[in-house]
């Protein structure tokens, strides 16, 4: 299994959209909990949400993207852009996964 880092940036009106889709988004993450190594919001210096960081464990990038593509924050328009890169830890608890 490989790790993939998804750097998701919020779009306009994301605060309202996050609130609208939060319950569904948490349910989605729970349904796919075996794929999420880590997930959480990104905030600016004022504490406002600006995006999310997801670390997904999957066989390949296509499988990792399949998990994220159905996320209510994707389908509900919270995130305006998503960058995905393979993550290869060299230090820390994830190193030997």
N, C-alpha and C. Protein backbone atom coordinates (compact mmCIF):
# COMPACT_ATOMS: atom_id res chain seq x y z
N UNK A 1 0.85 -1.19 0.00
CA UNK A 1 0.00 0.00 0.00
C UNK A 1 0.89 1.24 0.00
N UNK A 2 0.41 2.25 -0.67
CA UNK A 2 1.12 3.52 -0.75
C UNK A 2 0.30 4.60 -0.07
N UNK A 3 0.95 5.72 0.23
CA UNK A 3 0.28 6.86 0.83
C UNK A 3 0.21 7.99 -0.18
N UNK A 4 -0.95 8.67 -0.21
CA UNK A 4 -1.16 9.79 -1.12
C UNK A 4 -1.68 10.98 -0.32
N UNK A 5 -1.04 12.11 -0.53
CA UNK A 5 -1.39 13.34 0.17
C UNK A 5 -2.27 14.20 -0.74
N UNK A 6 -3.46 14.52 -0.25
CA UNK A 6 -4.39 15.38 -0.98
C UNK A 6 -4.42 16.73 -0.29
N UNK A 7 -4.01 17.75 -1.02
CA UNK A 7 -4.01 19.13 -0.53
C UNK A 7 -5.20 19.82 -1.19
N UNK A 8 -6.24 20.01 -0.42
CA UNK A 8 -7.52 20.51 -0.94
C UNK A 8 -7.71 21.97 -0.51
N UNK A 9 -7.92 22.85 -1.48
CA UNK A 9 -8.13 24.27 -1.19
C UNK A 9 -9.60 24.62 -1.35
N UNK A 10 -10.11 25.35 -0.37
CA UNK A 10 -11.50 25.78 -0.39
C UNK A 10 -11.74 26.82 -1.48
N UNK A 11 -12.99 26.83 -1.95
CA UNK A 11 -13.43 27.83 -2.91
C UNK A 11 -14.26 28.90 -2.21
N UNK A 12 -14.95 29.69 -3.00
CA UNK A 12 -15.79 30.75 -2.46
C UNK A 12 -16.94 30.16 -1.66
N UNK A 13 -17.35 30.86 -0.65
CA UNK A 13 -18.48 30.48 0.20
C UNK A 13 -18.28 29.11 0.86
N UNK A 14 -17.02 28.77 1.10
CA UNK A 14 -16.73 27.44 1.65
C UNK A 14 -17.25 27.28 3.08
N UNK A 15 -17.29 28.35 3.84
CA UNK A 15 -17.78 28.23 5.22
C UNK A 15 -19.22 27.71 5.22
N UNK A 16 -20.06 28.30 4.39
CA UNK A 16 -21.46 27.86 4.29
C UNK A 16 -21.54 26.44 3.74
N UNK A 17 -20.76 26.17 2.70
CA UNK A 17 -20.79 24.83 2.09
C UNK A 17 -20.26 23.77 3.03
N UNK A 18 -19.21 24.09 3.80
CA UNK A 18 -18.68 23.13 4.79
C UNK A 18 -19.78 22.77 5.79
N UNK A 19 -20.47 23.77 6.28
CA UNK A 19 -21.52 23.54 7.26
C UNK A 19 -22.64 22.67 6.67
N UNK A 20 -23.00 22.94 5.42
CA UNK A 20 -24.07 22.19 4.76
C UNK A 20 -23.72 20.71 4.58
N UNK A 21 -22.45 20.42 4.31
CA UNK A 21 -22.05 19.07 3.94
C UNK A 21 -21.25 18.34 5.02
N UNK A 22 -21.09 18.96 6.19
CA UNK A 22 -20.25 18.39 7.24
C UNK A 22 -20.71 16.99 7.67
N UNK A 23 -21.98 16.83 7.94
CA UNK A 23 -22.48 15.53 8.43
C UNK A 23 -22.23 14.44 7.39
N UNK A 24 -22.56 14.71 6.14
CA UNK A 24 -22.33 13.74 5.06
C UNK A 24 -20.84 13.44 4.89
N UNK A 25 -20.03 14.49 5.03
CA UNK A 25 -18.59 14.32 4.85
C UNK A 25 -18.02 13.42 5.93
N UNK A 26 -18.45 13.61 7.17
CA UNK A 26 -17.98 12.76 8.27
C UNK A 26 -18.45 11.32 8.09
N UNK A 27 -19.66 11.13 7.59
CA UNK A 27 -20.16 9.78 7.33
C UNK A 27 -19.33 9.10 6.23
N UNK A 28 -18.99 9.87 5.20
CA UNK A 28 -18.16 9.34 4.12
C UNK A 28 -16.80 8.89 4.67
N UNK A 29 -16.19 9.73 5.49
CA UNK A 29 -14.89 9.37 6.06
C UNK A 29 -15.01 8.13 6.94
N UNK A 30 -16.10 8.03 7.69
CA UNK A 30 -16.30 6.86 8.54
C UNK A 30 -16.44 5.59 7.70
N UNK A 31 -17.19 5.68 6.60
CA UNK A 31 -17.38 4.53 5.71
C UNK A 31 -16.07 4.07 5.08
N UNK A 32 -15.15 5.01 4.90
CA UNK A 32 -13.86 4.70 4.26
C UNK A 32 -12.70 4.84 5.23
N UNK A 33 -12.96 4.63 6.50
CA UNK A 33 -11.95 4.88 7.53
C UNK A 33 -10.68 4.07 7.32
N UNK A 34 -10.79 2.90 6.68
CA UNK A 34 -9.59 2.09 6.45
C UNK A 34 -8.64 2.75 5.47
N UNK A 35 -9.12 3.72 4.68
CA UNK A 35 -8.29 4.41 3.70
C UNK A 35 -7.65 5.69 4.24
N UNK A 36 -8.25 6.29 5.28
CA UNK A 36 -7.77 7.57 5.79
C UNK A 36 -6.72 7.35 6.88
N UNK A 37 -5.49 7.71 6.57
CA UNK A 37 -4.46 7.66 7.59
C UNK A 37 -4.53 8.92 8.45
N UNK A 38 -4.86 10.04 7.81
CA UNK A 38 -5.04 11.31 8.52
C UNK A 38 -5.94 12.20 7.67
N UNK A 39 -6.69 13.07 8.33
CA UNK A 39 -7.55 14.02 7.63
C UNK A 39 -7.90 15.15 8.58
N UNK A 40 -7.90 16.36 8.05
CA UNK A 40 -8.29 17.49 8.88
C UNK A 40 -8.24 18.80 8.12
N UNK A 41 -8.84 19.82 8.72
CA UNK A 41 -8.90 21.13 8.06
C UNK A 41 -7.56 21.88 8.14
N UNK A 42 -7.37 22.76 7.18
CA UNK A 42 -6.26 23.71 7.17
C UNK A 42 -6.86 25.07 7.48
N UNK A 43 -6.18 25.85 8.32
CA UNK A 43 -6.68 27.18 8.69
C UNK A 43 -5.61 28.23 8.47
N UNK A 44 -6.06 29.47 8.32
CA UNK A 44 -5.12 30.58 8.19
C UNK A 44 -4.82 31.15 9.58
N UNK A 45 -4.06 32.24 9.63
CA UNK A 45 -3.65 32.84 10.91
C UNK A 45 -4.84 33.33 11.74
N UNK A 46 -5.97 33.60 11.10
CA UNK A 46 -7.18 34.06 11.81
C UNK A 46 -8.07 32.89 12.24
N UNK A 47 -7.63 31.66 11.95
CA UNK A 47 -8.40 30.49 12.32
C UNK A 47 -9.52 30.14 11.36
N UNK A 48 -9.52 30.76 10.20
CA UNK A 48 -10.55 30.50 9.19
C UNK A 48 -10.14 29.30 8.34
N UNK A 49 -11.11 28.47 7.98
CA UNK A 49 -10.82 27.32 7.12
C UNK A 49 -10.38 27.79 5.74
N UNK A 50 -9.31 27.19 5.24
CA UNK A 50 -8.83 27.49 3.89
C UNK A 50 -8.70 26.23 3.04
N UNK A 51 -8.89 25.07 3.65
CA UNK A 51 -8.78 23.82 2.91
C UNK A 51 -8.71 22.64 3.85
N UNK A 52 -8.24 21.53 3.30
CA UNK A 52 -8.11 20.29 4.07
C UNK A 52 -6.90 19.52 3.58
N UNK A 53 -6.35 18.71 4.48
CA UNK A 53 -5.25 17.82 4.14
C UNK A 53 -5.72 16.40 4.43
N UNK A 54 -5.60 15.54 3.44
CA UNK A 54 -5.98 14.14 3.59
C UNK A 54 -4.78 13.28 3.25
N UNK A 55 -4.51 12.27 4.03
CA UNK A 55 -3.50 11.28 3.67
C UNK A 55 -4.24 9.95 3.55
N UNK A 56 -4.27 9.46 2.31
CA UNK A 56 -5.03 8.28 1.96
C UNK A 56 -4.07 7.12 1.68
N UNK A 57 -4.39 5.97 2.23
CA UNK A 57 -3.63 4.76 1.97
C UNK A 57 -4.38 3.95 0.91
N UNK A 58 -3.70 3.59 -0.16
CA UNK A 58 -4.35 2.87 -1.26
C UNK A 58 -3.29 2.13 -2.08
N UNK A 59 -3.76 1.22 -2.92
CA UNK A 59 -2.84 0.47 -3.79
C UNK A 59 -2.17 1.37 -4.82
N UNK A 60 -2.91 2.35 -5.32
CA UNK A 60 -2.38 3.25 -6.34
C UNK A 60 -3.14 4.57 -6.30
N UNK A 61 -2.66 5.53 -7.09
CA UNK A 61 -3.28 6.86 -7.08
C UNK A 61 -4.73 6.82 -7.54
N UNK A 62 -5.04 5.99 -8.51
CA UNK A 62 -6.42 5.90 -9.00
C UNK A 62 -7.36 5.44 -7.88
N UNK A 63 -6.94 4.48 -7.09
CA UNK A 63 -7.77 4.01 -5.97
C UNK A 63 -7.92 5.08 -4.91
N UNK A 64 -6.84 5.82 -4.64
CA UNK A 64 -6.90 6.90 -3.66
C UNK A 64 -7.86 7.99 -4.14
N UNK A 65 -7.75 8.34 -5.41
CA UNK A 65 -8.65 9.36 -5.98
C UNK A 65 -10.11 8.89 -5.93
N UNK A 66 -10.37 7.61 -6.13
CA UNK A 66 -11.73 7.09 -6.09
C UNK A 66 -12.35 7.32 -4.72
N UNK A 67 -11.56 7.18 -3.66
CA UNK A 67 -12.06 7.44 -2.31
C UNK A 67 -12.43 8.91 -2.15
N UNK A 68 -11.60 9.80 -2.64
CA UNK A 68 -11.80 11.24 -2.45
C UNK A 68 -12.86 11.79 -3.41
N UNK A 69 -12.97 11.25 -4.60
CA UNK A 69 -13.92 11.78 -5.59
C UNK A 69 -15.36 11.77 -5.12
N UNK A 70 -15.71 10.82 -4.24
CA UNK A 70 -17.07 10.73 -3.73
C UNK A 70 -17.28 11.50 -2.43
N UNK A 71 -16.24 12.17 -1.95
CA UNK A 71 -16.34 12.94 -0.71
C UNK A 71 -17.34 14.08 -0.91
N UNK A 72 -18.27 14.26 0.02
CA UNK A 72 -19.26 15.34 -0.10
C UNK A 72 -18.64 16.74 -0.22
N UNK A 73 -17.41 16.92 0.25
CA UNK A 73 -16.77 18.22 0.07
C UNK A 73 -16.34 18.41 -1.39
N UNK A 74 -16.15 17.33 -2.11
CA UNK A 74 -15.88 17.41 -3.55
C UNK A 74 -17.20 17.62 -4.28
N UNK A 75 -18.15 16.72 -4.06
CA UNK A 75 -19.42 16.78 -4.79
C UNK A 75 -20.24 18.01 -4.41
N UNK A 76 -20.02 18.55 -3.20
CA UNK A 76 -20.76 19.73 -2.74
C UNK A 76 -20.07 21.05 -3.04
N UNK A 77 -18.92 21.01 -3.69
CA UNK A 77 -18.24 22.23 -4.12
C UNK A 77 -17.45 22.98 -3.05
N UNK A 78 -17.14 22.34 -1.93
CA UNK A 78 -16.35 23.01 -0.89
C UNK A 78 -14.94 23.27 -1.40
N UNK A 79 -14.33 22.26 -1.99
CA UNK A 79 -12.94 22.39 -2.46
C UNK A 79 -12.91 22.85 -3.91
N UNK A 80 -12.17 23.92 -4.18
CA UNK A 80 -12.06 24.42 -5.55
C UNK A 80 -10.92 23.76 -6.30
N UNK A 81 -9.93 23.27 -5.57
CA UNK A 81 -8.82 22.59 -6.23
C UNK A 81 -8.26 21.53 -5.30
N UNK A 82 -7.74 20.48 -5.92
CA UNK A 82 -7.13 19.39 -5.17
C UNK A 82 -5.84 19.01 -5.86
N UNK A 83 -4.78 18.99 -5.08
CA UNK A 83 -3.48 18.52 -5.58
C UNK A 83 -3.20 17.21 -4.87
N UNK A 84 -2.75 16.22 -5.62
CA UNK A 84 -2.41 14.93 -5.02
C UNK A 84 -0.98 14.56 -5.38
N UNK A 85 -0.26 14.11 -4.39
CA UNK A 85 1.11 13.66 -4.57
C UNK A 85 1.31 12.39 -3.74
N UNK A 86 2.16 11.51 -4.24
CA UNK A 86 2.52 10.34 -3.46
C UNK A 86 3.37 10.81 -2.29
N UNK A 87 3.11 10.25 -1.12
CA UNK A 87 3.81 10.64 0.10
C UNK A 87 4.68 9.46 0.53
N UNK A 88 5.97 9.72 0.69
CA UNK A 88 6.90 8.67 1.10
C UNK A 88 7.63 9.12 2.37
N UNK A 89 7.07 8.77 3.52
CA UNK A 89 7.67 9.21 4.78
C UNK A 89 9.06 8.61 5.00
N UNK A 90 9.94 9.42 5.53
CA UNK A 90 11.29 8.97 5.86
C UNK A 90 11.55 8.96 7.36
N UNK A 91 10.65 9.58 8.11
CA UNK A 91 10.76 9.61 9.56
C UNK A 91 9.38 9.64 10.17
N UNK A 92 9.25 9.05 11.32
CA UNK A 92 7.97 9.07 12.02
C UNK A 92 7.29 7.71 12.03
N UNK A 93 6.13 7.67 12.63
CA UNK A 93 5.40 6.42 12.82
C UNK A 93 4.93 5.80 11.50
N UNK A 94 4.79 6.58 10.44
CA UNK A 94 4.31 6.07 9.16
C UNK A 94 5.41 5.49 8.31
N UNK A 95 6.65 5.70 8.69
CA UNK A 95 7.79 5.32 7.85
C UNK A 95 7.73 3.86 7.39
N UNK A 96 7.38 2.95 8.27
CA UNK A 96 7.45 1.53 7.94
C UNK A 96 6.11 0.92 7.53
N UNK A 97 5.18 1.73 7.11
CA UNK A 97 3.86 1.23 6.66
C UNK A 97 4.00 0.49 5.37
